[in-house]
mmCIF file of all heavy atoms, coordinates in Angstrom:
data_MODEL
# 
_entry.id   MODEL 
# 
loop_
_atom_site.group_PDB 
_atom_site.id 
_atom_site.type_symbol 
_atom_site.label_atom_id 
_atom_site.label_alt_id 
_atom_site.label_comp_id 
_atom_site.label_asym_id 
_atom_site.label_entity_id 
_atom_site.label_seq_id 
_atom_site.pdbx_PDB_ins_code 
_atom_site.Cartn_x 
_atom_site.Cartn_y 
_atom_site.Cartn_z 
_atom_site.occupancy 
_atom_site.B_iso_or_equiv 
_atom_site.pdbx_formal_charge 
_atom_site.auth_seq_id 
_atom_site.auth_comp_id 
_atom_site.auth_asym_id 
_atom_site.auth_atom_id 
_atom_site.pdbx_PDB_model_num 
ATOM 1   N N   . MET A 1 1  ? -17.493 -7.940  -6.332  1.00 0.00 ? 1  MET A N   1 
ATOM 2   C CA  . MET A 1 1  ? -16.987 -7.629  -4.997  1.00 0.00 ? 1  MET A CA  1 
ATOM 3   C C   . MET A 1 1  ? -15.655 -8.319  -4.729  1.00 0.00 ? 1  MET A C   1 
ATOM 4   O O   . MET A 1 1  ? -14.797 -7.775  -4.024  1.00 0.00 ? 1  MET A O   1 
ATOM 5   C CB  . MET A 1 1  ? -18.015 -8.030  -3.939  1.00 0.00 ? 1  MET A CB  1 
ATOM 6   C CG  . MET A 1 1  ? -17.698 -7.544  -2.543  1.00 0.00 ? 1  MET A CG  1 
ATOM 7   S SD  . MET A 1 1  ? -17.623 -5.727  -2.427  1.00 0.00 ? 1  MET A SD  1 
ATOM 8   C CE  . MET A 1 1  ? -19.369 -5.340  -2.416  1.00 0.00 ? 1  MET A CE  1 
ATOM 9   N N   . ILE A 1 2  ? -15.468 -9.496  -5.293  1.00 0.00 ? 2  ILE A N   1 
ATOM 10  C CA  . ILE A 1 2  ? -14.191 -10.213 -5.132  1.00 0.00 ? 2  ILE A CA  1 
ATOM 11  C C   . ILE A 1 2  ? -13.056 -9.399  -5.766  1.00 0.00 ? 2  ILE A C   1 
ATOM 12  O O   . ILE A 1 2  ? -11.986 -9.201  -5.169  1.00 0.00 ? 2  ILE A O   1 
ATOM 13  C CB  . ILE A 1 2  ? -14.277 -11.623 -5.767  1.00 0.00 ? 2  ILE A CB  1 
ATOM 14  C CG1 . ILE A 1 2  ? -15.197 -12.508 -4.940  1.00 0.00 ? 2  ILE A CG1 1 
ATOM 15  C CG2 . ILE A 1 2  ? -12.891 -12.245 -5.874  1.00 0.00 ? 2  ILE A CG2 1 
ATOM 16  C CD1 . ILE A 1 2  ? -15.498 -13.845 -5.570  1.00 0.00 ? 2  ILE A CD1 1 
ATOM 17  N N   . ILE A 1 3  ? -13.307 -8.910  -6.979  1.00 0.00 ? 3  ILE A N   1 
ATOM 18  C CA  . ILE A 1 3  ? -12.304 -8.124  -7.680  1.00 0.00 ? 3  ILE A CA  1 
ATOM 19  C C   . ILE A 1 3  ? -12.029 -6.822  -6.933  1.00 0.00 ? 3  ILE A C   1 
ATOM 20  O O   . ILE A 1 3  ? -10.871 -6.432  -6.729  1.00 0.00 ? 3  ILE A O   1 
ATOM 21  C CB  . ILE A 1 3  ? -12.768 -7.835  -9.133  1.00 0.00 ? 3  ILE A CB  1 
ATOM 22  C CG1 . ILE A 1 3  ? -12.882 -9.140  -9.911  1.00 0.00 ? 3  ILE A CG1 1 
ATOM 23  C CG2 . ILE A 1 3  ? -11.784 -6.874  -9.827  1.00 0.00 ? 3  ILE A CG2 1 
ATOM 24  C CD1 . ILE A 1 3  ? -13.539 -8.984  -11.263 1.00 0.00 ? 3  ILE A CD1 1 
ATOM 25  N N   . VAL A 1 4  ? -13.105 -6.159  -6.497  1.00 0.00 ? 4  VAL A N   1 
ATOM 26  C CA  . VAL A 1 4  ? -12.962 -4.893  -5.764  1.00 0.00 ? 4  VAL A CA  1 
ATOM 27  C C   . VAL A 1 4  ? -12.193 -5.112  -4.464  1.00 0.00 ? 4  VAL A C   1 
ATOM 28  O O   . VAL A 1 4  ? -11.327 -4.301  -4.113  1.00 0.00 ? 4  VAL A O   1 
ATOM 29  C CB  . VAL A 1 4  ? -14.352 -4.283  -5.467  1.00 0.00 ? 4  VAL A CB  1 
ATOM 30  C CG1 . VAL A 1 4  ? -14.241 -3.107  -4.507  1.00 0.00 ? 4  VAL A CG1 1 
ATOM 31  C CG2 . VAL A 1 4  ? -15.021 -3.834  -6.758  1.00 0.00 ? 4  VAL A CG2 1 
ATOM 32  N N   . SER A 1 5  ? -12.489 -6.198  -3.759  1.00 0.00 ? 5  SER A N   1 
ATOM 33  C CA  . SER A 1 5  ? -11.816 -6.479  -2.488  1.00 0.00 ? 5  SER A CA  1 
ATOM 34  C C   . SER A 1 5  ? -10.321 -6.710  -2.684  1.00 0.00 ? 5  SER A C   1 
ATOM 35  O O   . SER A 1 5  ? -9.496  -6.219  -1.906  1.00 0.00 ? 5  SER A O   1 
ATOM 36  C CB  . SER A 1 5  ? -12.440 -7.726  -1.828  1.00 0.00 ? 5  SER A CB  1 
ATOM 37  O OG  . SER A 1 5  ? -13.783 -7.472  -1.489  1.00 0.00 ? 5  SER A OG  1 
ATOM 38  N N   . PHE A 1 6  ? -9.969  -7.431  -3.741  1.00 0.00 ? 6  PHE A N   1 
ATOM 39  C CA  . PHE A 1 6  ? -8.540  -7.683  -3.998  1.00 0.00 ? 6  PHE A CA  1 
ATOM 40  C C   . PHE A 1 6  ? -7.827  -6.374  -4.347  1.00 0.00 ? 6  PHE A C   1 
ATOM 41  O O   . PHE A 1 6  ? -6.735  -6.110  -3.840  1.00 0.00 ? 6  PHE A O   1 
ATOM 42  C CB  . PHE A 1 6  ? -8.378  -8.675  -5.142  1.00 0.00 ? 6  PHE A CB  1 
ATOM 43  C CG  . PHE A 1 6  ? -6.942  -8.969  -5.464  1.00 0.00 ? 6  PHE A CG  1 
ATOM 44  C CD1 . PHE A 1 6  ? -6.184  -9.795  -4.633  1.00 0.00 ? 6  PHE A CD1 1 
ATOM 45  C CD2 . PHE A 1 6  ? -6.335  -8.410  -6.571  1.00 0.00 ? 6  PHE A CD2 1 
ATOM 46  C CE1 . PHE A 1 6  ? -4.851  -10.056 -4.913  1.00 0.00 ? 6  PHE A CE1 1 
ATOM 47  C CE2 . PHE A 1 6  ? -5.013  -8.651  -6.866  1.00 0.00 ? 6  PHE A CE2 1 
ATOM 48  C CZ  . PHE A 1 6  ? -4.256  -9.478  -6.035  1.00 0.00 ? 6  PHE A CZ  1 
ATOM 49  N N   . VAL A 1 7  ? -8.469  -5.563  -5.198  1.00 0.00 ? 7  VAL A N   1 
ATOM 50  C CA  . VAL A 1 7  ? -7.870  -4.265  -5.554  1.00 0.00 ? 7  VAL A CA  1 
ATOM 51  C C   . VAL A 1 7  ? -7.732  -3.384  -4.329  1.00 0.00 ? 7  VAL A C   1 
ATOM 52  O O   . VAL A 1 7  ? -6.712  -2.705  -4.127  1.00 0.00 ? 7  VAL A O   1 
ATOM 53  C CB  . VAL A 1 7  ? -8.720  -3.575  -6.635  1.00 0.00 ? 7  VAL A CB  1 
ATOM 54  C CG1 . VAL A 1 7  ? -8.231  -2.146  -6.890  1.00 0.00 ? 7  VAL A CG1 1 
ATOM 55  C CG2 . VAL A 1 7  ? -8.673  -4.370  -7.952  1.00 0.00 ? 7  VAL A CG2 1 
ATOM 56  N N   . PHE A 1 8  ? -8.750  -3.403  -3.469  1.00 0.00 ? 8  PHE A N   1 
ATOM 57  C CA  . PHE A 1 8  ? -8.724  -2.560  -2.271  1.00 0.00 ? 8  PHE A CA  1 
ATOM 58  C C   . PHE A 1 8  ? -7.645  -2.997  -1.308  1.00 0.00 ? 8  PHE A C   1 
ATOM 59  O O   . PHE A 1 8  ? -6.973  -2.150  -0.701  1.00 0.00 ? 8  PHE A O   1 
ATOM 60  C CB  . PHE A 1 8  ? -10.103 -2.628  -1.577  1.00 0.00 ? 8  PHE A CB  1 
ATOM 61  C CG  . PHE A 1 8  ? -10.304 -1.567  -0.531  1.00 0.00 ? 8  PHE A CG  1 
ATOM 62  C CD1 . PHE A 1 8  ? -10.446 -0.230  -0.897  1.00 0.00 ? 8  PHE A CD1 1 
ATOM 63  C CD2 . PHE A 1 8  ? -10.330 -1.905  0.808   1.00 0.00 ? 8  PHE A CD2 1 
ATOM 64  C CE1 . PHE A 1 8  ? -10.608 0.744   0.068   1.00 0.00 ? 8  PHE A CE1 1 
ATOM 65  C CE2 . PHE A 1 8  ? -10.504 -0.932  1.785   1.00 0.00 ? 8  PHE A CE2 1 
ATOM 66  C CZ  . PHE A 1 8  ? -10.647 0.405   1.408   1.00 0.00 ? 8  PHE A CZ  1 
ATOM 67  N N   . SER A 1 9  ? -7.471  -4.305  -1.163  1.00 0.00 ? 9  SER A N   1 
ATOM 68  C CA  . SER A 1 9  ? -6.406  -4.783  -0.283  1.00 0.00 ? 9  SER A CA  1 
ATOM 69  C C   . SER A 1 9  ? -5.031  -4.385  -0.804  1.00 0.00 ? 9  SER A C   1 
ATOM 70  O O   . SER A 1 9  ? -4.122  -4.061  -0.035  1.00 0.00 ? 9  SER A O   1 
ATOM 71  C CB  . SER A 1 9  ? -6.487  -6.300  -0.110  1.00 0.00 ? 9  SER A CB  1 
ATOM 72  O OG  . SER A 1 9  ? -6.229  -6.964  -1.350  1.00 0.00 ? 9  SER A OG  1 
ATOM 73  N N   . THR A 1 10 ? -4.869  -4.379  -2.127  1.00 0.00 ? 10 THR A N   1 
ATOM 74  C CA  . THR A 1 10 ? -3.615  -3.935  -2.742  1.00 0.00 ? 10 THR A CA  1 
ATOM 75  C C   . THR A 1 10 ? -3.386  -2.442  -2.494  1.00 0.00 ? 10 THR A C   1 
ATOM 76  O O   . THR A 1 10 ? -2.268  -2.016  -2.187  1.00 0.00 ? 10 THR A O   1 
ATOM 77  C CB  . THR A 1 10 ? -3.647  -4.214  -4.257  1.00 0.00 ? 10 THR A CB  1 
ATOM 78  O OG1 . THR A 1 10 ? -3.912  -5.608  -4.469  1.00 0.00 ? 10 THR A OG1 1 
ATOM 79  C CG2 . THR A 1 10 ? -2.297  -3.894  -4.891  1.00 0.00 ? 10 THR A CG2 1 
ATOM 80  N N   . LEU A 1 11 ? -4.473  -1.672  -2.592  1.00 0.00 ? 11 LEU A N   1 
ATOM 81  C CA  . LEU A 1 11 ? -4.369  -0.227  -2.328  1.00 0.00 ? 11 LEU A CA  1 
ATOM 82  C C   . LEU A 1 11 ? -3.976  0.044   -0.883  1.00 0.00 ? 11 LEU A C   1 
ATOM 83  O O   . LEU A 1 11 ? -3.237  0.988   -0.599  1.00 0.00 ? 11 LEU A O   1 
ATOM 84  C CB  . LEU A 1 11 ? -5.697  0.458   -2.664  1.00 0.00 ? 11 LEU A CB  1 
ATOM 85  C CG  . LEU A 1 11 ? -6.043  0.592   -4.146  1.00 0.00 ? 11 LEU A CG  1 
ATOM 86  C CD1 . LEU A 1 11 ? -7.438  1.169   -4.310  1.00 0.00 ? 11 LEU A CD1 1 
ATOM 87  C CD2 . LEU A 1 11 ? -5.021  1.485   -4.860  1.00 0.00 ? 11 LEU A CD2 1 
ATOM 88  N N   . VAL A 1 12 ? -4.500  -0.780  0.025   1.00 0.00 ? 12 VAL A N   1 
ATOM 89  C CA  . VAL A 1 12 ? -4.132  -0.641  1.439   1.00 0.00 ? 12 VAL A CA  1 
ATOM 90  C C   . VAL A 1 12 ? -2.624  -0.832  1.592   1.00 0.00 ? 12 VAL A C   1 
ATOM 91  O O   . VAL A 1 12 ? -1.955  -0.097  2.339   1.00 0.00 ? 12 VAL A O   1 
ATOM 92  C CB  . VAL A 1 12 ? -4.904  -1.673  2.312   1.00 0.00 ? 12 VAL A CB  1 
ATOM 93  C CG1 . VAL A 1 12 ? -4.304  -1.734  3.714   1.00 0.00 ? 12 VAL A CG1 1 
ATOM 94  C CG2 . VAL A 1 12 ? -6.365  -1.307  2.405   1.00 0.00 ? 12 VAL A CG2 1 
ATOM 95  N N   . GLY A 1 13 ? -2.077  -1.826  0.876   1.00 0.00 ? 13 GLY A N   1 
ATOM 96  C CA  . GLY A 1 13 ? -0.634  -2.048  0.922   1.00 0.00 ? 13 GLY A CA  1 
ATOM 97  C C   . GLY A 1 13 ? 0.142   -0.858  0.396   1.00 0.00 ? 13 GLY A C   1 
ATOM 98  O O   . GLY A 1 13 ? 1.201   -0.494  0.945   1.00 0.00 ? 13 GLY A O   1 
ATOM 99  N N   . ILE A 1 14 ? -0.368  -0.233  -0.676  1.00 0.00 ? 14 ILE A N   1 
ATOM 100 C CA  . ILE A 1 14 ? 0.316   0.943   -1.230  1.00 0.00 ? 14 ILE A CA  1 
ATOM 101 C C   . ILE A 1 14 ? 0.239   2.140   -0.291  1.00 0.00 ? 14 ILE A C   1 
ATOM 102 O O   . ILE A 1 14 ? 1.231   2.805   0.002   1.00 0.00 ? 14 ILE A O   1 
ATOM 103 C CB  . ILE A 1 14 ? -0.292  1.296   -2.605  1.00 0.00 ? 14 ILE A CB  1 
ATOM 104 C CG1 . ILE A 1 14 ? -0.023  0.172   -3.614  1.00 0.00 ? 14 ILE A CG1 1 
ATOM 105 C CG2 . ILE A 1 14 ? 0.266   2.622   -3.110  1.00 0.00 ? 14 ILE A CG2 1 
ATOM 106 C CD1 . ILE A 1 14 ? -0.729  0.357   -4.939  1.00 0.00 ? 14 ILE A CD1 1 
ATOM 107 N N   . ILE A 1 15 ? -0.982  2.399   0.201   1.00 0.00 ? 15 ILE A N   1 
ATOM 108 C CA  . ILE A 1 15 ? -1.205  3.591   1.041   1.00 0.00 ? 15 ILE A CA  1 
ATOM 109 C C   . ILE A 1 15 ? -0.431  3.507   2.360   1.00 0.00 ? 15 ILE A C   1 
ATOM 110 O O   . ILE A 1 15 ? 0.264   4.443   2.759   1.00 0.00 ? 15 ILE A O   1 
ATOM 111 C CB  . ILE A 1 15 ? -2.715  3.761   1.322   1.00 0.00 ? 15 ILE A CB  1 
ATOM 112 C CG1 . ILE A 1 15 ? -3.441  4.104   0.001   1.00 0.00 ? 15 ILE A CG1 1 
ATOM 113 C CG2 . ILE A 1 15 ? -2.962  4.868   2.359   1.00 0.00 ? 15 ILE A CG2 1 
ATOM 114 C CD1 . ILE A 1 15 ? -4.949  4.030   0.103   1.00 0.00 ? 15 ILE A CD1 1 
ATOM 115 N N   . PHE A 1 16 ? -0.543  2.343   3.031   1.00 0.00 ? 16 PHE A N   1 
ATOM 116 C CA  . PHE A 1 16 ? 0.079   2.226   4.339   1.00 0.00 ? 16 PHE A CA  1 
ATOM 117 C C   . PHE A 1 16 ? 1.535   1.778   4.267   1.00 0.00 ? 16 PHE A C   1 
ATOM 118 O O   . PHE A 1 16 ? 2.241   1.780   5.284   1.00 0.00 ? 16 PHE A O   1 
ATOM 119 C CB  . PHE A 1 16 ? -0.737  1.260   5.213   1.00 0.00 ? 16 PHE A CB  1 
ATOM 120 C CG  . PHE A 1 16 ? -2.033  1.828   5.670   1.00 0.00 ? 16 PHE A CG  1 
ATOM 121 C CD1 . PHE A 1 16 ? -3.206  1.596   4.944   1.00 0.00 ? 16 PHE A CD1 1 
ATOM 122 C CD2 . PHE A 1 16 ? -2.128  2.592   6.808   1.00 0.00 ? 16 PHE A CD2 1 
ATOM 123 C CE1 . PHE A 1 16 ? -4.424  2.116   5.333   1.00 0.00 ? 16 PHE A CE1 1 
ATOM 124 C CE2 . PHE A 1 16 ? -3.340  3.130   7.232   1.00 0.00 ? 16 PHE A CE2 1 
ATOM 125 C CZ  . PHE A 1 16 ? -4.497  2.898   6.487   1.00 0.00 ? 16 PHE A CZ  1 
ATOM 126 N N   . GLY A 1 17 ? 1.980   1.369   3.109   1.00 0.00 ? 17 GLY A N   1 
ATOM 127 C CA  . GLY A 1 17 ? 3.382   1.014   2.956   1.00 0.00 ? 17 GLY A CA  1 
ATOM 128 C C   . GLY A 1 17 ? 4.235   2.130   2.394   1.00 0.00 ? 17 GLY A C   1 
ATOM 129 O O   . GLY A 1 17 ? 5.477   2.050   2.393   1.00 0.00 ? 17 GLY A O   1 
ATOM 130 N N   . LEU A 1 18 ? 3.573   3.198   1.915   1.00 0.00 ? 18 LEU A N   1 
ATOM 131 C CA  . LEU A 1 18 ? 4.289   4.296   1.266   1.00 0.00 ? 18 LEU A CA  1 
ATOM 132 C C   . LEU A 1 18 ? 5.187   5.062   2.249   1.00 0.00 ? 18 LEU A C   1 
ATOM 133 O O   . LEU A 1 18 ? 6.357   5.363   1.948   1.00 0.00 ? 18 LEU A O   1 
ATOM 134 C CB  . LEU A 1 18 ? 3.279   5.241   0.601   1.00 0.00 ? 18 LEU A CB  1 
ATOM 135 C CG  . LEU A 1 18 ? 3.856   6.270   -0.379  1.00 0.00 ? 18 LEU A CG  1 
ATOM 136 C CD1 . LEU A 1 18 ? 4.598   5.572   -1.497  1.00 0.00 ? 18 LEU A CD1 1 
ATOM 137 C CD2 . LEU A 1 18 ? 2.749   7.153   -0.935  1.00 0.00 ? 18 LEU A CD2 1 
ATOM 138 N N   . TYR A 1 19 ? 4.668   5.375   3.440   1.00 0.00 ? 19 TYR A N   1 
ATOM 139 C CA  . TYR A 1 19 ? 5.443   6.140   4.414   1.00 0.00 ? 19 TYR A CA  1 
ATOM 140 C C   . TYR A 1 19 ? 6.687   5.361   4.867   1.00 0.00 ? 19 TYR A C   1 
ATOM 141 O O   . TYR A 1 19 ? 7.802   5.919   4.845   1.00 0.00 ? 19 TYR A O   1 
ATOM 142 C CB  . TYR A 1 19 ? 4.564   6.517   5.607   1.00 0.00 ? 19 TYR A CB  1 
ATOM 143 C CG  . TYR A 1 19 ? 5.358   7.153   6.736   1.00 0.00 ? 19 TYR A CG  1 
ATOM 144 C CD1 . TYR A 1 19 ? 5.873   8.438   6.595   1.00 0.00 ? 19 TYR A CD1 1 
ATOM 145 C CD2 . TYR A 1 19 ? 5.575   6.458   7.931   1.00 0.00 ? 19 TYR A CD2 1 
ATOM 146 C CE1 . TYR A 1 19 ? 6.622   9.021   7.623   1.00 0.00 ? 19 TYR A CE1 1 
ATOM 147 C CE2 . TYR A 1 19 ? 6.295   7.032   8.950   1.00 0.00 ? 19 TYR A CE2 1 
ATOM 148 C CZ  . TYR A 1 19 ? 6.828   8.318   8.812   1.00 0.00 ? 19 TYR A CZ  1 
ATOM 149 O OH  . TYR A 1 19 ? 7.562   8.883   9.810   1.00 0.00 ? 19 TYR A OH  1 
ATOM 150 N N   . PRO A 1 20 ? 6.564   4.071   5.282   1.00 0.00 ? 20 PRO A N   1 
ATOM 151 C CA  . PRO A 1 20 ? 7.769   3.327   5.662   1.00 0.00 ? 20 PRO A CA  1 
ATOM 152 C C   . PRO A 1 20 ? 8.777   3.221   4.495   1.00 0.00 ? 20 PRO A C   1 
ATOM 153 O O   . PRO A 1 20 ? 9.981   3.295   4.738   1.00 0.00 ? 20 PRO A O   1 
ATOM 154 C CB  . PRO A 1 20 ? 7.239   1.945   6.043   1.00 0.00 ? 20 PRO A CB  1 
ATOM 155 C CG  . PRO A 1 20 ? 5.824   2.178   6.423   1.00 0.00 ? 20 PRO A CG  1 
ATOM 156 C CD  . PRO A 1 20 ? 5.344   3.269   5.528   1.00 0.00 ? 20 PRO A CD  1 
ATOM 157 N N   . ALA A 1 21 ? 8.269   3.032   3.288   1.00 0.00 ? 21 ALA A N   1 
ATOM 158 C CA  . ALA A 1 21 ? 9.163   2.906   2.126   1.00 0.00 ? 21 ALA A CA  1 
ATOM 159 C C   . ALA A 1 21 ? 9.935   4.210   1.886   1.00 0.00 ? 21 ALA A C   1 
ATOM 160 O O   . ALA A 1 21 ? 11.144  4.186   1.615   1.00 0.00 ? 21 ALA A O   1 
ATOM 161 C CB  . ALA A 1 21 ? 8.355   2.529   0.895   1.00 0.00 ? 21 ALA A CB  1 
ATOM 162 N N   . ARG A 1 22 ? 9.243   5.320   1.990   1.00 0.00 ? 22 ARG A N   1 
ATOM 163 C CA  . ARG A 1 22 ? 9.907   6.616   1.797   1.00 0.00 ? 22 ARG A CA  1 
ATOM 164 C C   . ARG A 1 22 ? 10.888  6.908   2.920   1.00 0.00 ? 22 ARG A C   1 
ATOM 165 O O   . ARG A 1 22 ? 11.950  7.503   2.693   1.00 0.00 ? 22 ARG A O   1 
ATOM 166 C CB  . ARG A 1 22 ? 8.865   7.731   1.698   1.00 0.00 ? 22 ARG A CB  1 
ATOM 167 C CG  . ARG A 1 22 ? 8.125   7.734   0.364   1.00 0.00 ? 22 ARG A CG  1 
ATOM 168 C CD  . ARG A 1 22 ? 7.237   8.928   0.208   1.00 0.00 ? 22 ARG A CD  1 
ATOM 169 N NE  . ARG A 1 22 ? 6.657   8.961   -1.130  1.00 0.00 ? 22 ARG A NE  1 
ATOM 170 C CZ  . ARG A 1 22 ? 5.776   9.877   -1.540  1.00 0.00 ? 22 ARG A CZ  1 
ATOM 171 N NH1 . ARG A 1 22 ? 5.372   10.825  -0.659  1.00 0.00 ? 22 ARG A NH1 1 
ATOM 172 N NH2 . ARG A 1 22 ? 5.314   9.867   -2.753  1.00 0.00 ? 22 ARG A NH2 1 
ATOM 173 N N   . ARG A 1 23 ? 10.542  6.497   4.128   1.00 0.00 ? 23 ARG A N   1 
ATOM 174 C CA  . ARG A 1 23 ? 11.442  6.699   5.259   1.00 0.00 ? 23 ARG A CA  1 
ATOM 175 C C   . ARG A 1 23 ? 12.736  5.904   5.041   1.00 0.00 ? 23 ARG A C   1 
ATOM 176 O O   . ARG A 1 23 ? 13.833  6.396   5.332   1.00 0.00 ? 23 ARG A O   1 
ATOM 177 C CB  . ARG A 1 23 ? 10.759  6.277   6.548   1.00 0.00 ? 23 ARG A CB  1 
ATOM 178 C CG  . ARG A 1 23 ? 11.609  6.495   7.782   1.00 0.00 ? 23 ARG A CG  1 
ATOM 179 C CD  . ARG A 1 23 ? 10.812  6.291   9.030   1.00 0.00 ? 23 ARG A CD  1 
ATOM 180 N NE  . ARG A 1 23 ? 11.658  6.485   10.213  1.00 0.00 ? 23 ARG A NE  1 
ATOM 181 C CZ  . ARG A 1 23 ? 11.214  6.420   11.460  1.00 0.00 ? 23 ARG A CZ  1 
ATOM 182 N NH1 . ARG A 1 23 ? 9.938   6.187   11.695  1.00 0.00 ? 23 ARG A NH1 1 
ATOM 183 N NH2 . ARG A 1 23 ? 12.029  6.593   12.479  1.00 0.00 ? 23 ARG A NH2 1 
ATOM 184 N N   . ALA A 1 24 ? 12.591  4.678   4.542   1.00 0.00 ? 24 ALA A N   1 
ATOM 185 C CA  . ALA A 1 24 ? 13.774  3.873   4.258   1.00 0.00 ? 24 ALA A CA  1 
ATOM 186 C C   . ALA A 1 24 ? 14.613  4.496   3.152   1.00 0.00 ? 24 ALA A C   1 
ATOM 187 O O   . ALA A 1 24 ? 15.848  4.505   3.219   1.00 0.00 ? 24 ALA A O   1 
ATOM 188 C CB  . ALA A 1 24 ? 13.353  2.462   3.845   1.00 0.00 ? 24 ALA A CB  1 
ATOM 189 N N   . ALA A 1 25 ? 13.954  5.039   2.119   1.00 0.00 ? 25 ALA A N   1 
ATOM 190 C CA  . ALA A 1 25 ? 14.669  5.623   0.977   1.00 0.00 ? 25 ALA A CA  1 
ATOM 191 C C   . ALA A 1 25 ? 15.424  6.887   1.365   1.00 0.00 ? 25 ALA A C   1 
ATOM 192 O O   . ALA A 1 25 ? 16.441  7.214   0.743   1.00 0.00 ? 25 ALA A O   1 
ATOM 193 C CB  . ALA A 1 25 ? 13.673  5.911   -0.150  1.00 0.00 ? 25 ALA A CB  1 
ATOM 194 N N   . ARG A 1 26 ? 14.952  7.604   2.383   1.00 0.00 ? 26 ARG A N   1 
ATOM 195 C CA  . ARG A 1 26 ? 15.554  8.871   2.765   1.00 0.00 ? 26 ARG A CA  1 
ATOM 196 C C   . ARG A 1 26 ? 16.638  8.756   3.832   1.00 0.00 ? 26 ARG A C   1 
ATOM 197 O O   . ARG A 1 26 ? 17.178  9.763   4.300   1.00 0.00 ? 26 ARG A O   1 
ATOM 198 C CB  . ARG A 1 26 ? 14.463  9.823   3.239   1.00 0.00 ? 26 ARG A CB  1 
ATOM 199 C CG  . ARG A 1 26 ? 13.533  10.285  2.104   1.00 0.00 ? 26 ARG A CG  1 
ATOM 200 C CD  . ARG A 1 26 ? 12.341  11.057  2.619   1.00 0.00 ? 26 ARG A CD  1 
ATOM 201 N NE  . ARG A 1 26 ? 11.440  11.414  1.542   1.00 0.00 ? 26 ARG A NE  1 
ATOM 202 C CZ  . ARG A 1 26 ? 10.246  11.978  1.709   1.00 0.00 ? 26 ARG A CZ  1 
ATOM 203 N NH1 . ARG A 1 26 ? 9.806   12.207  2.958   1.00 0.00 ? 26 ARG A NH1 1 
ATOM 204 N NH2 . ARG A 1 26 ? 9.488   12.292  0.690   1.00 0.00 ? 26 ARG A NH2 1 
ATOM 205 N N   . LEU A 1 27 ? 16.904  7.541   4.254   1.00 0.00 ? 27 LEU A N   1 
ATOM 206 C CA  . LEU A 1 27 ? 17.970  7.355   5.246   1.00 0.00 ? 27 LEU A CA  1 
ATOM 207 C C   . LEU A 1 27 ? 19.326  7.794   4.668   1.00 0.00 ? 27 LEU A C   1 
ATOM 208 O O   . LEU A 1 27 ? 19.632  7.498   3.506   1.00 0.00 ? 27 LEU A O   1 
ATOM 209 C CB  . LEU A 1 27 ? 18.042  5.890   5.683   1.00 0.00 ? 27 LEU A CB  1 
ATOM 210 C CG  . LEU A 1 27 ? 16.967  5.386   6.667   1.00 0.00 ? 27 LEU A CG  1 
ATOM 211 C CD1 . LEU A 1 27 ? 17.132  3.888   6.879   1.00 0.00 ? 27 LEU A CD1 1 
ATOM 212 C CD2 . LEU A 1 27 ? 17.040  6.117   7.994   1.00 0.00 ? 27 LEU A CD2 1 
# 
């Protein structure tokens, strides 16, 4: 569960950080 939790928190960063990152790239 420790490993899964760390991976999941990283995925949250990818999923919820993707839209702002793409918005910045398309300026």
